[in-house]
Protein backbone atom coordinates (compact mmCIF):
# COMPACT_ATOMS: atom_id res chain seq x y z
CA UNK A 1 48.76 81.58 97.70
CA UNK A 2 48.47 84.62 100.36
CA UNK A 3 45.68 86.04 102.74
CA UNK A 4 44.62 88.61 100.14
CA UNK A 5 43.66 85.53 97.69
CA UNK A 6 41.69 83.80 100.61
CA UNK A 7 40.17 87.10 101.85
CA UNK A 8 39.10 87.42 98.04
CA UNK A 9 37.92 83.69 97.82
CA UNK A 10 35.34 84.46 100.92
CA UNK A 11 34.00 87.67 100.12
CA UNK A 12 32.94 86.35 96.73
CA UNK A 13 31.46 83.50 98.13
CA UNK A 14 29.80 85.72 100.69
CA UNK A 15 28.31 88.10 98.05
CA UNK A 16 27.69 85.69 95.09
CA UNK A 17 29.33 88.22 92.82
CA UNK A 18 33.15 89.36 91.62
CA UNK A 19 31.71 92.64 91.25
CA UNK A 20 30.29 93.15 94.86
CA UNK A 21 33.48 91.45 96.18
CA UNK A 22 35.66 94.03 94.46
CA UNK A 23 33.62 96.90 95.82
CA UNK A 24 33.79 95.37 99.20
CA UNK A 25 37.42 95.08 99.29
CA UNK A 26 37.99 98.38 97.66
CA UNK A 27 39.83 96.92 94.78
CA UNK A 28 39.21 96.96 91.00
CA UNK A 29 37.34 93.74 89.43
CA UNK A 30 40.40 92.99 87.45
CA UNK A 31 42.52 92.47 90.91
CA UNK A 32 39.81 90.12 92.18
CA UNK A 33 39.91 88.15 89.00
CA UNK A 34 43.70 88.03 89.15
CA UNK A 35 43.58 87.03 92.89
CA UNK A 36 41.42 84.13 92.00
CA UNK A 37 43.31 82.95 88.93
CA UNK A 38 46.35 82.68 91.01
CA UNK A 39 44.58 80.88 93.87
CA UNK A 40 43.05 78.24 91.18
CA UNK A 41 46.34 77.80 89.83
CA UNK A 42 47.82 77.11 93.25
CA UNK A 43 44.87 74.46 93.87
CA UNK A 44 45.07 73.09 90.36
CA UNK A 45 41.44 73.70 89.08
CA UNK A 46 38.72 76.15 89.14
CA UNK A 47 36.75 77.22 92.21
CA UNK A 48 33.97 78.77 90.62
CA UNK A 49 31.49 78.07 87.87
CA UNK A 50 31.34 81.50 85.92
CA UNK A 51 28.29 82.76 84.34
CA UNK A 52 25.22 85.24 85.43
CA UNK A 53 25.41 83.74 88.88
CA UNK A 54 28.70 82.76 90.49
CA UNK A 55 28.78 79.17 92.18
CA UNK A 56 31.17 77.13 93.82
CA UNK A 57 32.52 74.26 92.06
CA UNK A 58 33.09 70.69 93.91
CA UNK A 59 36.65 71.90 94.73
CA UNK A 60 35.69 75.41 95.75
CA UNK A 61 33.03 74.22 98.13
CA UNK A 62 35.77 71.70 99.60
CA UNK A 63 38.34 74.31 99.89
CA UNK A 64 35.95 76.98 101.73
CA UNK A 65 36.01 75.77 105.04
CA UNK A 66 39.83 75.54 105.18
CA UNK A 67 40.03 78.99 103.59
CA UNK A 68 37.76 80.47 106.25
CA UNK A 69 39.86 78.62 109.26
CA UNK A 70 43.15 80.16 107.99
CA UNK A 71 41.41 83.50 107.92
CA UNK A 72 39.94 83.05 111.46
CA UNK A 73 43.35 82.12 112.75
CA UNK A 74 44.92 85.14 111.35
CA UNK A 75 42.10 87.53 112.87
CA UNK A 76 42.73 86.13 116.11
CA UNK A 77 46.72 86.15 115.90
CA UNK A 78 46.12 90.03 115.01
CA UNK A 79 43.79 90.76 117.71
CA UNK A 80 45.74 88.82 120.11
CA UNK A 81 49.05 90.92 119.37
CA UNK A 82 47.22 94.15 119.51
CA UNK A 83 45.83 93.18 122.91
CA UNK A 84 48.90 92.34 124.38
CA UNK A 85 50.56 95.68 123.18
CA UNK A 86 48.14 98.08 124.77
CA UNK A 87 44.62 96.44 125.10
CA UNK A 88 42.05 96.21 122.39
CA UNK A 89 38.21 95.35 122.18
CA UNK A 90 35.85 95.35 119.28
CA UNK A 91 32.28 95.37 119.67
CA UNK A 92 29.09 95.29 117.14
CA UNK A 93 25.79 96.71 118.10
CA UNK A 94 22.22 97.27 116.85
CA UNK A 95 22.27 100.79 115.61
CA UNK A 96 18.99 101.74 117.58
CA UNK A 97 20.98 100.79 120.85
CA UNK A 98 24.08 103.17 120.09
CA UNK A 99 22.69 106.11 121.78
CA UNK A 100 20.93 104.66 124.81
CA UNK A 101 22.95 101.73 125.73
CA UNK A 102 26.49 101.83 124.25
CA UNK A 103 27.83 105.46 124.13
CA UNK A 104 27.19 106.20 127.99
CA UNK A 105 29.13 102.89 128.66
CA UNK A 106 31.79 103.97 126.02
CA UNK A 107 32.18 107.06 128.05
CA UNK A 108 32.59 105.47 131.54
CA UNK A 109 34.74 102.51 129.97
CA UNK A 110 37.28 104.90 128.41
CA UNK A 111 37.62 107.41 131.22
CA UNK A 112 38.79 104.16 133.22
CA UNK A 113 40.90 102.77 130.49
CA UNK A 114 42.03 105.49 128.37
CA UNK A 115 44.80 103.83 126.65
CA UNK A 116 42.58 100.81 125.37
CA UNK A 117 41.66 100.56 121.61
CA UNK A 118 37.89 100.39 121.15
CA UNK A 119 36.38 99.38 117.81
CA UNK A 120 32.75 99.96 117.75
CA UNK A 121 30.53 98.92 114.59
CA UNK A 122 26.84 99.81 114.28
CA UNK A 123 24.36 98.50 112.09
CA UNK A 124 21.16 96.36 111.63
CA UNK A 125 20.88 92.63 112.79
CA UNK A 126 22.19 91.11 109.57
CA UNK A 127 25.28 93.20 109.61
CA UNK A 128 26.12 92.76 113.16
CA UNK A 129 25.53 88.99 112.74
CA UNK A 130 27.90 88.77 109.78
CA UNK A 131 30.73 90.71 112.03
CA UNK A 132 30.00 87.82 114.74
CA UNK A 133 30.22 85.27 112.20
CA UNK A 134 33.51 86.49 110.65
CA UNK A 135 34.85 87.12 114.44
CA UNK A 136 35.44 90.32 113.46
CA UNK A 137 34.19 91.80 117.34
CA UNK A 138 34.53 90.69 120.72
CA UNK A 139 31.01 91.42 121.84
CA UNK A 140 27.87 91.93 119.71
CA UNK A 141 24.48 93.19 120.57
CA UNK A 142 22.17 91.44 117.98
CA UNK A 143 18.60 90.42 117.71
CA UNK A 144 17.32 87.62 119.83
CA UNK A 145 16.28 84.98 119.24
CA UNK A 146 19.33 83.94 117.16
CA UNK A 147 17.73 82.75 113.79
CA UNK A 148 21.18 82.28 111.75
CA UNK A 149 22.04 78.89 111.10
CA UNK A 150 25.63 79.72 110.86
CA UNK A 151 25.68 80.91 114.74
CA UNK A 152 24.07 77.80 116.15
CA UNK A 153 26.47 77.75 118.87
CA UNK A 154 25.83 81.27 120.08
CA UNK A 155 24.73 81.70 123.67
CA UNK A 156 23.52 85.10 125.16
CA UNK A 157 25.46 86.80 128.01
CA UNK A 158 22.49 88.68 128.79
CA UNK A 159 18.93 89.23 127.07
CA UNK A 160 17.39 92.82 126.83
CA UNK A 161 13.69 93.37 126.44
CA UNK A 162 12.52 96.84 125.00
CA UNK A 163 8.86 98.16 124.88
CA UNK A 164 8.21 99.02 121.16
CA UNK A 165 5.45 101.62 121.28
CA UNK A 166 3.26 103.28 118.39
CA UNK A 167 4.33 106.65 118.28
CA UNK A 168 3.12 109.63 117.19
CA UNK A 169 4.14 113.58 116.93
CA UNK A 170 2.49 115.66 120.10
CA UNK A 171 0.24 117.42 117.30
CA UNK A 172 -1.46 114.39 116.24
CA UNK A 173 -1.81 112.93 119.51
CA UNK A 174 -3.64 116.37 120.48
CA UNK A 175 -6.19 115.43 117.70
CA UNK A 176 -7.04 111.99 119.18
CA UNK A 177 -9.76 111.04 121.56
CA UNK A 178 -9.00 109.99 125.10
CA UNK A 179 -10.13 106.29 124.04
CA UNK A 180 -8.72 106.42 120.67
CA UNK A 181 -8.64 103.00 118.75
CA UNK A 182 -6.36 102.43 115.45
CA UNK A 183 -9.26 103.53 113.40
CA UNK A 184 -9.21 106.64 115.00
CA UNK A 185 -5.27 107.23 114.76
CA UNK A 186 -5.46 106.40 110.67
CA UNK A 187 -8.27 108.99 110.65
CA UNK A 188 -5.63 111.65 111.52
CA UNK A 189 -2.66 110.42 110.12
CA UNK A 190 -3.10 107.79 107.18
CA UNK A 191 0.28 106.66 106.77
CA UNK A 192 1.76 103.87 108.78
CA UNK A 193 5.59 102.93 108.67
CA UNK A 194 7.06 99.50 109.11
CA UNK A 195 10.45 100.04 110.58
CA UNK A 196 12.78 97.00 110.53
CA UNK A 197 13.79 96.67 114.45
CA UNK A 198 13.25 92.86 114.42
CA UNK A 199 14.68 90.12 112.27
CA UNK A 200 11.38 89.21 111.35
CA UNK A 201 8.30 91.78 111.29
CA UNK A 202 5.85 90.35 114.20
CA UNK A 203 2.48 89.53 112.61
CA UNK A 204 0.41 91.93 114.73
CA UNK A 205 2.59 94.72 113.52
CA UNK A 206 2.41 93.82 109.98
CA UNK A 207 -1.27 93.41 110.26
CA UNK A 208 -1.92 96.99 111.39
CA UNK A 209 -0.70 97.80 108.19
CA UNK A 210 -4.11 96.40 106.61
CA UNK A 211 -5.99 99.20 108.32
CA UNK A 212 -3.95 102.08 107.43
CA UNK A 213 -4.71 104.00 104.13
CA UNK A 214 -0.78 103.89 103.32
CA UNK A 215 1.95 101.67 104.29
CA UNK A 216 5.69 102.49 103.66
CA UNK A 217 8.99 100.52 104.79
CA UNK A 218 12.17 102.63 105.42
CA UNK A 219 15.00 102.86 108.15
CA UNK A 220 14.30 104.35 111.72
CA UNK A 221 16.22 107.52 110.92
CA UNK A 222 13.64 108.71 107.92
CA UNK A 223 10.94 107.12 109.72
CA UNK A 224 11.56 109.30 112.92
CA UNK A 225 11.49 112.29 110.70
CA UNK A 226 8.25 111.80 109.02
CA UNK A 227 6.81 110.80 112.84
CA UNK A 228 7.99 114.06 114.22
CA UNK A 229 6.53 116.17 111.21
CA UNK A 230 3.25 114.40 112.14
CA UNK A 231 2.95 112.83 108.78
CA UNK A 232 3.21 109.34 109.91
CA UNK A 233 2.84 106.73 112.68
CA UNK A 234 4.81 103.79 113.58
CA UNK A 235 6.56 101.41 116.18
CA UNK A 236 9.65 102.77 117.61
CA UNK A 237 11.71 101.22 120.82
CA UNK A 238 11.14 103.02 123.63
CA UNK A 239 14.67 103.55 124.48
CA UNK A 240 15.62 105.14 121.13
CA UNK A 241 12.96 107.88 121.38
CA UNK A 242 12.96 108.60 125.19
CA UNK A 243 14.39 112.17 124.95
CA UNK A 244 11.61 113.09 122.59
CA UNK A 245 9.05 111.47 124.80
CA UNK A 246 10.40 112.95 127.72
CA UNK A 247 10.17 116.55 126.15
CA UNK A 248 6.92 116.14 124.59
CA UNK A 249 7.79 115.95 121.33
CA UNK A 250 6.57 112.62 120.73
CA UNK A 251 3.85 110.57 122.29
CA UNK A 252 3.47 106.82 122.90
CA UNK A 253 -0.23 105.85 122.09
CA UNK A 254 -2.13 103.06 123.34
CA UNK A 255 -4.78 102.29 121.09
CA UNK A 256 -7.58 100.29 122.69
CA UNK A 257 -7.23 97.63 119.98
CA UNK A 258 -3.50 98.16 119.58
CA UNK A 259 -1.21 95.28 120.43
CA UNK A 260 1.71 95.15 123.18
CA UNK A 261 4.94 94.73 121.36
CA UNK A 262 8.57 94.25 122.36
CA UNK A 263 11.54 93.57 120.90
CA UNK A 264 14.59 91.28 122.49
CA UNK A 265 18.33 91.73 121.82
CA UNK A 266 20.93 89.80 123.39
CA UNK A 267 24.57 90.60 124.57
CA UNK A 268 26.84 87.83 122.88
CA UNK A 269 30.66 86.88 123.44
CA UNK A 270 31.58 86.36 119.56
CA UNK A 271 34.89 84.94 120.31
CA UNK A 272 35.30 82.62 123.58
CA UNK A 273 33.82 83.45 126.62
CA UNK A 274 34.23 86.38 129.11
CA UNK A 275 35.53 84.85 132.36
CA UNK A 276 39.27 84.83 131.20
CA UNK A 277 38.98 88.13 129.27
CA UNK A 278 39.24 91.21 131.74
CA UNK A 279 38.54 93.88 129.33
CA UNK A 280 35.57 91.88 127.33
CA UNK A 281 33.99 90.94 130.99
CA UNK A 282 34.46 94.71 132.40
CA UNK A 283 32.78 96.00 129.22
CA UNK A 284 30.22 93.13 129.28
CA UNK A 285 29.17 94.17 132.78
CA UNK A 286 28.91 97.91 132.24
CA UNK A 287 26.63 97.22 129.51
CA UNK A 288 24.29 94.83 131.83
CA UNK A 289 24.52 97.47 134.28
CA UNK A 290 23.35 100.28 131.87
CA UNK A 291 20.33 98.11 130.62
CA UNK A 292 19.43 97.82 134.08
CA UNK A 293 19.38 101.38 134.75
CA UNK A 294 17.25 101.43 131.52
CA UNK A 295 14.97 98.85 132.81
CA UNK A 296 15.59 96.80 129.77
CA UNK A 297 17.56 93.84 131.13
CA UNK A 298 15.60 90.48 130.87
CA UNK A 299 18.09 88.31 132.42
CA UNK A 300 21.91 87.91 132.34
CA UNK A 301 24.63 85.46 133.20
CA UNK A 302 25.48 85.79 137.05
CA UNK A 303 29.08 86.12 136.38
CA UNK A 304 27.89 89.88 134.73
CA UNK A 305 25.61 90.77 137.63
CA UNK A 306 27.49 89.87 140.97
CA UNK A 307 28.08 92.97 142.60
CA UNK A 308 26.83 95.21 139.89
CA UNK A 309 26.45 98.69 139.94
CA UNK A 310 24.10 100.83 138.24
CA UNK A 311 25.97 102.60 135.39
């Protein structure tokens, strides 16, 4: 039994598939099967029920928490060694907050601490939450409130609240009357985009789709391209499109019958607290300061705001 066997076992449980686990681990399916056979031989019996769907046996379910405990301890040990050698910090963040919030902080942080190794991972809420669960990051910016039952002991260091605005191109906005309602908007541009900024779409955002002539779901990048081209409208976090709004390429619409929408996210410590971790505390303070500068800081732990200067 070795660490690759345990990592492979955990990955199969998460993905529910030997094939997917092999792809995630960048090894062949034969290697995955060999590792699991070796692990099962060492533990005296099968860990999975093989079939169209892979399921844990009772033996596998019993062993799983212990395997994950070993993996967690190993990760913490590796990180401790790296931190002792030269300083290292890992952060996971929602992709839409990289440019407005995280990138400027990385510039100032590494300007002051040029030898610190930083690992930055971006993604949607699900991928960030998975890294928090795996203890793969020190700090994370993820959707809030936390709806993941596996992260029930997670507490926020800071809460960010962004306005999410119905967005159109300048050309579309020019064709709308001053007191435009949603029906006026969809008469000019019939396509409405559902963009996954939230863990769960707000009911008000979903209901607007009933009034549009066409509704599509897609990531923010392609959605933004369609909106810029005047082919669609959709709700965008204001912080993400601030440059386009300032330049007049995009317009935040305020239909008389449209809802006021916001998105909450949280800065959390994925491994322990921040009080006794100077690098983690400093980065958390800078992220909080930047959020305040952007006008999205809803509240924060006093530890992060005492003597805080804007970032």
